[in-house]
Amino acid sequence: MTDNFINIKYIEDLLKNAEHAKTSEIEIALSKAERNETLTHSDIASLLKTDKQEHINRIYKIAGNIKKRIYGNRIVMFAPLYVSDYCVNRCAYCSFNAGHDYKRRKLTMDEVRKEVKILEMMGHKRLAVEAGENENECPIDYITECIKTIYDMKFENGEIRRVNVNIAATTTENYRKLKAAGIGTYILFQETYHEPTYNRVHPAGPKNDFTYHLTAFDRAQEAGIDDVGGGVLFGLSDPFFDVMGLLLHNEHLEKKFNVGFHTISVPRLCPASGMNINDFPNLVDDDTFAKIVAIIRIAVPFTGMILSTRENREMRKKLLRLGISQISAGSSTSVGGYSLRENNTGESSQFLVNDERSATSIISELIDDGYIPSFCTACYRGGRTGDRFMSLAKSGQIGNVCLPNALMTLCEYSMDYGDNAFKEKTNAVITKETENINNEKVKAKTIENIKKIQNGEGRDFYV
């Protein structure tokens, strides 16, 4: 077992010293970021602590430039699939808390199929399976059965092509089972890296073990899962402390396994059943949250950043410009929630969804705002995971595969789910964006494959 590598005093001292950082020191850190140089921990702490608007504006500009340079205008789409809300933990912020009295449920495989069919009809190709922690009601074999069920489903318009999993920290043997089942990315939020706060908000249940939770990615990597996604729940503790914790965690994984987080999620604490949002004194306001997202983008430029429908439409639009590269659309945070929503039935959700627009509405607006919604799963299916993906990203070659794949999957989506007006809009975007593919052979192949998709001569092309 790896020791706890989060040093509270070290992080607190960094942040305390950063309060006295000179303007010249902050400007040096910003200049380093502009030159794509690696920032020190002190650099990042000083950016977190500055409250000067001219610094914040420059942070936003640098983050936006990094986002554009590495990710272009592509936005990866996904949806969560909640399969069980049985849980033995008593997390103070979660409606699935074991102490909450409501009728819980776990999906049967037939119910999983029903949910997946609805999600596929929404156009999704990438899902994140979510479940509470309960070894009796929701053992690892149930999760792997869900994964197999999802992958086995085939539709007229294709299938779910990547299943990521967000479940509790578990054993190396169980991670091996997830790997064998074909997991995409294993996602786990530390919630907070401040151990005293962590212990307070997780008073009972196996999640109460801070170090076991912290070292989950070590066990996952040892089991062969080389794509892992971290995150914290901003609002539980000092948000700047948690940013530093995230970055230290990422460095730990890079040193030990030669690859850090594939993605970082940035959920923000929001109301949920059975909890009072006013009981949490570290809630993060919009301006601070935007600065945090921008600084994470600067600190780990090649790591994907995920934003859920916890955030409203306006905030999502702003954060897309500052670093977010992956968003959910048309989401439900309830077990069986997609079927319940279709039937206009009430649901018990894990947290409040603040962007309740349909997937179609969100995707259409992304295009109107100049983005390319991407349903691509090619890197996972082509074996470009872990350090192989990062090597591709850091070499600058990622655009030669990501842009073509985004355009081909958008073409698929348009043909399968779009009306004539939507098809006309996406065709214009595709025609324009194919000219930005630098590799001429890849460009020619992309154009050829798009014509095949449009003519009904094939689908699921990728490079």
Protein backbone atom coordinates (compact mmCIF):
# COMPACT_ATOMS: atom_id res chain seq x y z
CA MET A 1 0.00 0.00 0.00
CA THR A 2 1.30 3.43 -0.97
CA ASP A 3 1.63 5.86 1.93
CA ASN A 4 -0.55 8.95 2.11
CA PHE A 5 1.34 11.38 -0.14
CA ILE A 6 -0.75 14.46 0.70
CA ASN A 7 1.13 16.66 3.18
CA ILE A 8 -1.35 19.07 4.73
CA LYS A 9 1.29 21.37 6.22
CA TYR A 10 3.15 21.59 2.91
CA ILE A 11 0.01 22.66 1.04
CA GLU A 12 -1.10 25.07 3.76
CA ASP A 13 2.36 26.67 3.85
CA LEU A 14 2.34 27.05 0.06
CA LEU A 15 -0.98 28.86 0.16
CA LYS A 16 -0.03 30.99 3.16
CA ASN A 17 3.22 32.10 1.54
CA ALA A 18 1.38 32.81 -1.71
CA GLU A 19 -0.69 35.44 0.09
CA HIS A 20 2.49 37.53 0.23
CA ALA A 21 3.64 36.86 -3.34
CA LYS A 22 4.95 39.96 -5.05
CA THR A 23 3.29 41.21 -8.20
CA SER A 24 6.54 40.55 -10.05
CA GLU A 25 6.51 36.90 -8.91
CA ILE A 26 2.95 36.40 -10.13
CA GLU A 27 3.79 37.99 -13.46
CA ILE A 28 6.81 35.69 -13.85
CA ALA A 29 4.52 32.68 -13.24
CA LEU A 30 2.07 33.98 -15.84
CA SER A 31 4.86 34.52 -18.35
CA LYS A 32 6.05 30.96 -17.79
CA ALA A 33 2.52 29.71 -18.46
CA GLU A 34 2.38 31.76 -21.66
CA ARG A 35 5.62 30.09 -22.80
CA ASN A 36 4.13 26.64 -22.00
CA GLU A 37 6.69 26.08 -19.25
CA THR A 38 5.93 23.87 -16.24
CA LEU A 39 4.84 25.85 -13.21
CA THR A 40 6.14 25.16 -9.71
CA HIS A 41 3.81 24.53 -6.79
CA SER A 42 4.56 28.04 -5.56
CA ASP A 43 3.66 29.46 -8.98
CA ILE A 44 0.28 27.75 -8.94
CA ALA A 45 -0.41 28.75 -5.35
CA SER A 46 0.33 32.39 -6.19
CA LEU A 47 -2.11 32.29 -9.11
CA LEU A 48 -4.79 30.77 -6.89
CA LYS A 49 -4.31 33.44 -4.24
CA THR A 50 -4.13 36.54 -6.40
CA ASP A 51 -7.26 38.67 -6.40
CA LYS A 52 -6.03 41.34 -8.81
CA GLN A 53 -8.35 41.55 -11.79
CA GLU A 54 -5.52 42.13 -14.24
CA HIS A 55 -3.94 38.85 -13.15
CA ILE A 56 -7.25 37.00 -13.34
CA ASN A 57 -7.92 38.35 -16.83
CA ARG A 58 -4.49 37.15 -17.92
CA ILE A 59 -5.13 33.73 -16.34
CA TYR A 60 -8.35 33.46 -18.36
CA LYS A 61 -6.58 34.45 -21.58
CA ILE A 62 -3.74 31.96 -21.08
CA ALA A 63 -6.14 29.14 -20.19
CA GLY A 64 -8.28 29.89 -23.23
CA ASN A 65 -5.25 29.86 -25.50
CA ILE A 66 -4.07 26.53 -24.06
CA LYS A 67 -7.53 25.05 -24.54
CA LYS A 68 -7.65 26.21 -28.15
CA ARG A 69 -4.09 25.08 -28.94
CA ILE A 70 -4.42 21.55 -27.56
CA TYR A 71 -8.13 20.76 -27.92
CA GLY A 72 -9.17 23.07 -30.72
CA ASN A 73 -12.92 23.56 -30.67
CA ARG A 74 -13.83 19.94 -29.97
CA ILE A 75 -16.09 19.06 -27.02
CA VAL A 76 -16.50 15.41 -26.08
CA MET A 77 -20.04 14.35 -25.14
CA PHE A 78 -21.11 11.78 -22.56
CA ALA A 79 -23.95 10.85 -20.23
CA PRO A 80 -24.06 9.23 -16.77
CA LEU A 81 -25.98 6.00 -16.21
CA TYR A 82 -26.95 5.39 -12.58
CA VAL A 83 -27.52 1.67 -11.99
CA SER A 84 -27.85 1.43 -8.19
CA ASP A 85 -28.38 3.82 -5.27
CA TYR A 86 -27.84 1.26 -2.51
CA CYS A 87 -25.05 2.64 -0.34
CA VAL A 88 -23.52 1.87 3.04
CA ASN A 89 -21.69 5.20 3.37
CA ARG A 90 -23.00 8.24 5.21
CA CYS A 91 -21.52 11.02 3.10
CA ALA A 92 -22.85 14.31 4.46
CA TYR A 93 -23.35 15.86 1.00
CA CYS A 94 -25.02 12.98 -0.88
CA SER A 95 -28.66 12.00 -1.19
CA PHE A 96 -27.62 8.32 -1.41
CA ASN A 97 -26.45 8.56 2.24
CA ALA A 98 -27.23 5.27 4.01
CA GLY A 99 -29.06 7.18 6.73
CA HIS A 100 -31.63 8.61 4.33
CA ASP A 101 -34.93 6.80 4.33
CA TYR A 102 -36.29 6.24 0.84
CA LYS A 103 -37.02 3.32 -1.45
CA ARG A 104 -33.76 2.32 -3.11
CA ARG A 105 -33.37 0.33 -6.28
CA LYS A 106 -30.92 -1.46 -8.49
CA LEU A 107 -31.53 -1.91 -12.19
CA THR A 108 -32.11 -5.35 -13.62
CA MET A 109 -30.30 -6.10 -16.86
CA ASP A 110 -33.56 -5.57 -18.73
CA GLU A 111 -33.84 -2.15 -17.09
CA VAL A 112 -30.21 -1.40 -18.00
CA ARG A 113 -31.07 -2.21 -21.61
CA LYS A 114 -34.07 0.09 -21.49
CA GLU A 115 -31.96 2.98 -20.15
CA VAL A 116 -29.21 2.37 -22.70
CA LYS A 117 -31.70 2.30 -25.56
CA ILE A 118 -32.99 5.73 -24.51
CA LEU A 119 -29.44 7.06 -24.22
CA GLU A 120 -28.49 5.73 -27.63
CA MET A 121 -31.58 7.35 -29.11
CA MET A 122 -30.25 10.61 -27.66
CA GLY A 123 -27.10 10.04 -29.70
CA HIS A 124 -24.72 9.08 -26.91
CA LYS A 125 -21.83 6.71 -27.57
CA ARG A 126 -19.96 7.17 -24.29
CA LEU A 127 -21.48 6.42 -20.88
CA ALA A 128 -20.28 6.70 -17.30
CA VAL A 129 -21.75 3.94 -15.12
CA GLU A 130 -22.42 5.23 -11.60
CA ALA A 131 -23.40 3.34 -8.43
CA GLY A 132 -23.41 3.67 -4.68
CA GLU A 133 -21.19 1.46 -2.53
CA ASN A 134 -22.88 -1.67 -1.21
CA GLU A 135 -21.08 -4.99 -1.55
CA ASN A 136 -24.23 -7.02 -0.98
CA GLU A 137 -26.59 -5.20 -3.33
CA CYS A 138 -24.05 -3.94 -5.84
CA PRO A 139 -20.98 -6.22 -5.96
CA ILE A 140 -18.29 -5.86 -8.60
CA ASP A 141 -19.78 -8.76 -10.58
CA TYR A 142 -22.99 -6.77 -10.96
CA ILE A 143 -21.03 -3.81 -12.36
CA THR A 144 -19.15 -6.01 -14.83
CA GLU A 145 -22.47 -7.58 -15.87
CA CYS A 146 -23.80 -4.08 -16.55
CA ILE A 147 -20.75 -3.31 -18.68
CA LYS A 148 -21.18 -6.52 -20.69
CA THR A 149 -24.90 -5.84 -21.15
CA ILE A 150 -24.19 -2.35 -22.46
CA TYR A 151 -21.48 -3.48 -24.87
CA ASP A 152 -23.63 -6.34 -26.17
CA MET A 153 -26.43 -4.03 -27.29
CA LYS A 154 -26.55 -3.16 -30.99
CA PHE A 155 -28.92 -0.66 -32.55
CA GLU A 156 -29.80 0.46 -36.03
CA ASN A 157 -27.72 3.58 -35.43
CA GLY A 158 -24.79 1.86 -33.77
CA GLU A 159 -23.97 1.12 -30.14
CA ILE A 160 -22.41 2.42 -26.97
CA ARG A 161 -18.71 2.37 -27.73
CA ARG A 162 -17.11 3.29 -24.43
CA VAL A 163 -18.21 2.57 -20.87
CA ASN A 164 -16.42 4.51 -18.16
CA VAL A 165 -17.07 3.56 -14.56
CA ASN A 166 -17.41 5.75 -11.46
CA ILE A 167 -17.71 3.48 -8.43
CA ALA A 168 -16.18 3.31 -4.97
CA ALA A 169 -12.54 2.56 -4.26
CA THR A 170 -12.00 -1.19 -4.33
CA THR A 171 -9.39 -3.93 -4.41
CA THR A 172 -6.76 -4.67 -7.04
CA GLU A 173 -8.57 -7.91 -7.86
CA ASN A 174 -11.82 -6.06 -8.48
CA TYR A 175 -10.01 -3.58 -10.72
CA ARG A 176 -8.71 -6.54 -12.70
CA LYS A 177 -12.31 -7.62 -13.19
CA LEU A 178 -13.22 -4.15 -14.47
CA LYS A 179 -10.24 -4.25 -16.83
CA ALA A 180 -11.30 -7.64 -18.17
CA ALA A 181 -14.83 -6.33 -18.72
CA GLY A 182 -13.52 -3.62 -21.05
CA ILE A 183 -13.74 -0.54 -18.84
CA GLY A 184 -12.84 2.75 -20.47
CA THR A 185 -11.72 5.21 -17.79
CA TYR A 186 -11.99 4.47 -14.07
CA ILE A 187 -13.28 7.63 -12.39
CA LEU A 188 -13.12 8.37 -8.68
CA PHE A 189 -13.40 11.68 -6.85
CA GLN A 190 -11.30 12.15 -3.75
CA GLU A 191 -14.04 14.63 -2.73
CA THR A 192 -11.51 16.61 -0.67
CA TYR A 193 -7.78 16.19 -0.07
CA HIS A 194 -8.03 17.86 3.34
CA GLU A 195 -8.08 14.80 5.58
CA PRO A 196 -9.78 16.35 8.66
CA THR A 197 -12.60 17.65 6.45
CA TYR A 198 -12.73 14.34 4.59
CA ASN A 199 -13.19 12.47 7.87
CA ARG A 200 -15.89 14.89 9.00
CA VAL A 201 -18.03 14.59 5.87
CA HIS A 202 -17.53 10.80 5.67
CA PRO A 203 -18.38 9.82 9.27
CA ALA A 204 -19.24 6.17 8.61
CA GLY A 205 -18.88 3.46 6.01
CA PRO A 206 -15.85 2.13 4.11
CA LYS A 207 -15.39 5.49 2.38
CA ASN A 208 -14.33 6.83 5.79
CA ASP A 209 -10.80 5.46 5.13
CA PHE A 210 -9.03 8.47 3.61
CA THR A 211 -5.81 6.70 2.62
CA TYR A 212 -7.53 3.66 1.10
CA HIS A 213 -9.64 6.01 -1.01
CA LEU A 214 -6.61 8.15 -1.90
CA THR A 215 -4.61 5.15 -3.15
CA ALA A 216 -7.39 3.63 -5.26
CA PHE A 217 -5.75 4.74 -8.51
CA ASP A 218 -2.52 3.00 -7.49
CA ARG A 219 -4.42 -0.27 -7.25
CA ALA A 220 -6.26 0.41 -10.51
CA GLN A 221 -2.99 1.08 -12.32
CA GLU A 222 -1.45 -2.04 -10.84
CA ALA A 223 -4.44 -3.97 -12.19
CA GLY A 224 -3.80 -2.66 -15.70
CA ILE A 225 -6.30 0.23 -15.85
CA ASP A 226 -4.10 2.98 -17.26
CA ASP A 227 -6.86 5.54 -17.88
CA VAL A 228 -7.98 7.04 -14.58
CA GLY A 229 -9.95 10.20 -13.87
CA GLY A 230 -9.77 12.20 -10.66
CA GLY A 231 -11.72 15.05 -9.18
CA VAL A 232 -12.85 16.81 -6.02
CA LEU A 233 -16.21 18.13 -4.91
CA PHE A 234 -15.52 21.84 -4.67
CA GLY A 235 -17.25 23.34 -1.65
CA LEU A 236 -16.38 20.72 0.95
CA SER A 237 -13.08 22.29 1.96
CA ASP A 238 -10.82 25.20 1.02
CA PRO A 239 -11.02 25.00 -2.79
CA PHE A 240 -7.44 26.19 -3.28
CA PHE A 241 -6.18 23.44 -0.97
CA ASP A 242 -8.06 20.91 -3.07
CA VAL A 243 -6.61 22.23 -6.33
CA MET A 244 -3.12 21.70 -4.91
CA GLY A 245 -4.15 18.24 -3.72
CA LEU A 246 -5.35 17.32 -7.20
CA LEU A 247 -2.08 18.44 -8.74
CA LEU A 248 0.02 16.57 -6.17
CA HIS A 249 -2.06 13.45 -6.79
CA ASN A 250 -1.48 13.81 -10.52
CA GLU A 251 2.28 14.17 -9.95
CA HIS A 252 2.29 11.09 -7.73
CA LEU A 253 0.72 9.00 -10.50
CA GLU A 254 3.08 10.41 -13.14
CA LYS A 255 6.12 9.55 -11.03
CA LYS A 256 4.95 6.06 -10.17
CA PHE A 257 3.16 4.97 -13.35
CA ASN A 258 4.44 7.41 -15.98
CA VAL A 259 0.94 8.76 -16.56
CA GLY A 260 -1.32 10.97 -14.50
CA PHE A 261 -5.02 11.68 -14.74
CA HIS A 262 -6.64 11.13 -18.12
CA THR A 263 -9.38 13.48 -16.97
CA ILE A 264 -10.12 15.77 -14.05
CA SER A 265 -13.73 16.44 -13.08
CA VAL A 266 -14.72 19.68 -11.38
CA PRO A 267 -18.11 19.13 -9.72
CA ARG A 268 -19.28 21.89 -7.39
CA LEU A 269 -21.35 21.17 -4.29
CA CYS A 270 -25.03 21.75 -4.97
CA PRO A 271 -28.30 20.95 -3.16
CA ALA A 272 -29.34 17.31 -2.78
CA SER A 273 -32.06 15.47 -0.88
CA GLY A 274 -31.36 15.01 2.81
CA MET A 275 -28.69 17.69 3.14
CA ASN A 276 -28.71 21.40 3.87
CA ILE A 277 -26.38 23.34 1.57
CA ASN A 278 -26.00 26.00 4.27
CA ASP A 279 -24.17 23.50 6.47
CA PHE A 280 -21.13 23.81 4.20
CA PRO A 281 -19.07 26.97 4.83
CA ASN A 282 -16.67 26.56 1.88
CA LEU A 283 -19.12 26.98 -1.01
CA VAL A 284 -17.39 28.29 -4.13
CA ASP A 285 -18.79 31.35 -5.89
CA ASP A 286 -18.90 31.61 -9.68
CA ASP A 287 -15.87 33.88 -10.06
CA THR A 288 -13.66 31.72 -7.85
CA PHE A 289 -14.85 28.59 -9.64
CA ALA A 290 -14.00 30.04 -13.04
CA LYS A 291 -10.53 30.97 -11.82
CA ILE A 292 -10.02 27.45 -10.47
CA VAL A 293 -10.99 25.84 -13.77
CA ALA A 294 -8.64 28.16 -15.67
CA ILE A 295 -5.72 27.47 -13.33
CA ILE A 296 -6.20 23.70 -13.53
CA ARG A 297 -6.17 24.01 -17.31
CA ILE A 298 -2.89 25.95 -17.11
CA ALA A 299 -1.33 23.50 -14.63
CA VAL A 300 -2.22 20.29 -16.51
CA PRO A 301 -2.72 21.34 -20.12
CA PHE A 302 -2.94 17.82 -21.57
CA THR A 303 -5.48 16.46 -19.10
CA GLY A 304 -9.14 16.41 -20.16
CA MET A 305 -11.50 18.42 -17.97
CA ILE A 306 -15.08 17.30 -17.35
CA LEU A 307 -18.07 19.41 -16.38
CA SER A 308 -21.45 17.95 -15.44
CA THR A 309 -24.97 19.33 -15.52
CA ARG A 310 -24.52 20.49 -11.92
CA GLU A 311 -23.67 23.80 -13.61
CA ASN A 312 -26.22 25.95 -15.39
CA ARG A 313 -26.20 26.92 -19.04
CA GLU A 314 -24.40 30.24 -18.60
CA MET A 315 -21.66 28.81 -16.40
CA ARG A 316 -21.08 25.90 -18.76
CA LYS A 317 -20.69 28.30 -21.68
CA LYS A 318 -18.11 30.34 -19.76
CA LEU A 319 -16.10 27.35 -18.55
CA LEU A 320 -15.96 25.79 -22.01
CA ARG A 321 -13.89 28.81 -23.05
CA LEU A 322 -11.55 28.44 -20.06
CA GLY A 323 -10.60 24.79 -20.28
CA ILE A 324 -13.47 22.30 -20.14
CA SER A 325 -13.13 19.68 -22.87
CA GLN A 326 -15.90 17.21 -22.01
CA ILE A 327 -19.51 17.76 -20.89
CA SER A 328 -22.60 15.70 -20.19
CA ALA A 329 -25.86 16.36 -21.99
CA GLY A 330 -29.45 15.42 -21.26
CA SER A 331 -28.32 13.85 -18.00
CA SER A 332 -30.28 12.11 -15.25
CA THR A 333 -28.71 11.45 -11.85
CA SER A 334 -31.36 8.95 -10.78
CA VAL A 335 -31.40 5.17 -10.97
CA GLY A 336 -33.62 4.42 -13.95
CA GLY A 337 -33.98 8.17 -14.42
CA TYR A 338 -34.12 8.21 -18.21
CA SER A 339 -37.12 5.86 -18.26
CA LEU A 340 -38.75 7.77 -15.42
CA ARG A 341 -38.29 11.03 -17.27
CA GLU A 342 -39.85 9.64 -20.44
CA ASN A 343 -42.87 8.58 -18.40
CA ASN A 344 -43.01 11.92 -16.51
CA THR A 345 -42.51 10.03 -13.26
CA GLY A 346 -40.90 11.55 -10.19
CA GLU A 347 -37.34 10.55 -9.43
CA SER A 348 -34.91 10.62 -6.50
CA SER A 349 -31.67 12.07 -7.85
CA GLN A 350 -28.17 12.12 -6.39
CA PHE A 351 -27.95 15.88 -6.85
CA LEU A 352 -29.79 18.74 -8.48
CA VAL A 353 -29.36 19.08 -12.24
CA ASN A 354 -29.02 22.76 -13.18
CA ASP A 355 -28.96 22.33 -16.96
CA GLU A 356 -32.14 20.46 -17.82
CA ARG A 357 -32.04 21.02 -21.57
CA SER A 358 -32.23 18.03 -23.88
CA ALA A 359 -29.08 16.56 -25.38
CA THR A 360 -30.20 17.80 -28.80
CA SER A 361 -30.57 21.37 -27.55
CA ILE A 362 -27.14 21.36 -25.92
CA ILE A 363 -25.45 19.83 -28.96
CA SER A 364 -27.13 22.30 -31.32
CA GLU A 365 -26.05 25.25 -29.17
CA LEU A 366 -22.47 23.98 -29.06
CA ILE A 367 -22.39 24.09 -32.85
CA ASP A 368 -23.91 27.57 -32.88
CA ASP A 369 -21.18 28.68 -30.46
CA GLY A 370 -18.43 27.41 -32.77
CA TYR A 371 -17.69 24.05 -31.15
CA ILE A 372 -17.57 20.57 -32.65
CA PRO A 373 -19.51 18.10 -30.48
CA SER A 374 -17.50 14.88 -30.56
CA PHE A 375 -18.78 11.37 -29.90
CA CYS A 376 -15.36 9.87 -30.57
CA THR A 377 -14.12 6.80 -28.67
CA ALA A 378 -11.27 5.99 -31.06
CA CYS A 379 -8.29 6.30 -28.71
CA TYR A 380 -9.68 3.75 -26.28
CA ARG A 381 -10.69 1.35 -29.05
CA GLY A 382 -7.39 1.83 -30.87
CA GLY A 383 -5.28 1.18 -27.78
CA ARG A 384 -4.20 4.80 -27.37
CA THR A 385 -4.66 4.92 -23.60
CA GLY A 386 -2.54 5.82 -20.61
CA ASP A 387 0.97 7.01 -21.47
CA ARG A 388 0.38 6.26 -25.17
CA PHE A 389 -2.41 8.81 -25.25
CA MET A 390 -0.35 11.36 -23.33
CA SER A 391 2.60 10.91 -25.69
CA LEU A 392 0.31 11.60 -28.62
CA ALA A 393 -1.14 14.66 -26.91
CA LYS A 394 2.18 16.13 -25.80
CA SER A 395 3.74 15.65 -29.24
CA GLY A 396 1.03 17.81 -30.77
CA GLN A 397 -0.15 14.98 -33.02
CA ILE A 398 -3.46 14.49 -31.24
CA GLY A 399 -5.21 16.93 -33.56
CA ASN A 400 -4.47 14.67 -36.53
CA VAL A 401 -6.76 12.05 -35.06
CA CYS A 402 -9.15 13.95 -32.80
CA LEU A 403 -10.45 16.46 -35.35
CA PRO A 404 -11.16 13.86 -38.09
CA ASN A 405 -12.81 11.53 -35.59
CA ALA A 406 -14.91 14.34 -34.12
CA LEU A 407 -16.14 15.31 -37.60
CA MET A 408 -16.98 11.75 -38.58
CA THR A 409 -18.92 11.11 -35.37
CA LEU A 410 -20.73 14.44 -35.70
CA CYS A 411 -21.70 13.45 -39.24
CA GLU A 412 -23.08 10.17 -37.87
CA TYR A 413 -25.06 12.04 -35.24
CA SER A 414 -26.46 14.43 -37.82
CA MET A 415 -27.55 11.67 -40.16
CA ASP A 416 -29.09 9.55 -37.40
CA TYR A 417 -30.81 12.16 -35.25
CA GLY A 418 -30.90 15.51 -37.07
CA ASP A 419 -33.68 17.14 -39.02
CA ASN A 420 -32.95 18.81 -42.35
CA ALA A 421 -32.02 22.14 -40.77
CA PHE A 422 -29.60 20.46 -38.35
CA LYS A 423 -28.04 18.42 -41.16
CA GLU A 424 -27.53 21.55 -43.22
CA LYS A 425 -25.87 23.28 -40.25
CA THR A 426 -23.55 20.38 -39.47
CA ASN A 427 -22.63 19.84 -43.11
CA ALA A 428 -21.45 23.44 -43.29
CA VAL A 429 -19.36 22.96 -40.15
CA ILE A 430 -17.88 19.68 -41.40
CA THR A 431 -16.97 21.19 -44.78
CA LYS A 432 -15.26 24.11 -43.08
CA GLU A 433 -13.43 22.11 -40.41
CA THR A 434 -12.06 19.39 -42.71
CA GLU A 435 -9.84 22.10 -44.19
CA ASN A 436 -8.15 22.38 -40.79
CA ILE A 437 -6.87 18.78 -40.93
CA ASN A 438 -3.16 19.26 -41.57
CA ASN A 439 -2.30 15.75 -42.74
CA GLU A 440 -3.41 15.55 -46.37
CA LYS A 441 -3.81 11.76 -46.39
CA VAL A 442 -5.93 11.88 -43.24
CA LYS A 443 -7.95 14.75 -44.69
CA ALA A 444 -8.68 12.81 -47.90
CA LYS A 445 -9.67 9.72 -45.94
CA THR A 446 -11.91 11.76 -43.65
CA ILE A 447 -13.72 13.34 -46.59
CA GLU A 448 -14.15 9.89 -48.16
CA ASN A 449 -15.56 8.40 -44.95
CA ILE A 450 -17.93 11.31 -44.40
CA LYS A 451 -19.35 10.82 -47.88
CA LYS A 452 -19.88 7.13 -47.10
CA ILE A 453 -21.71 8.01 -43.88
CA GLN A 454 -23.90 10.53 -45.70
CA ASN A 455 -24.69 8.03 -48.46
CA GLY A 456 -25.48 5.22 -46.02
CA GLU A 457 -22.47 3.20 -47.16
CA GLY A 458 -20.86 2.72 -43.75
CA ARG A 459 -20.35 4.12 -40.26
CA ASP A 460 -18.09 3.97 -37.21
CA PHE A 461 -15.00 5.14 -39.09
CA TYR A 462 -12.05 6.44 -37.13
CA VAL A 463 -8.33 7.03 -37.43
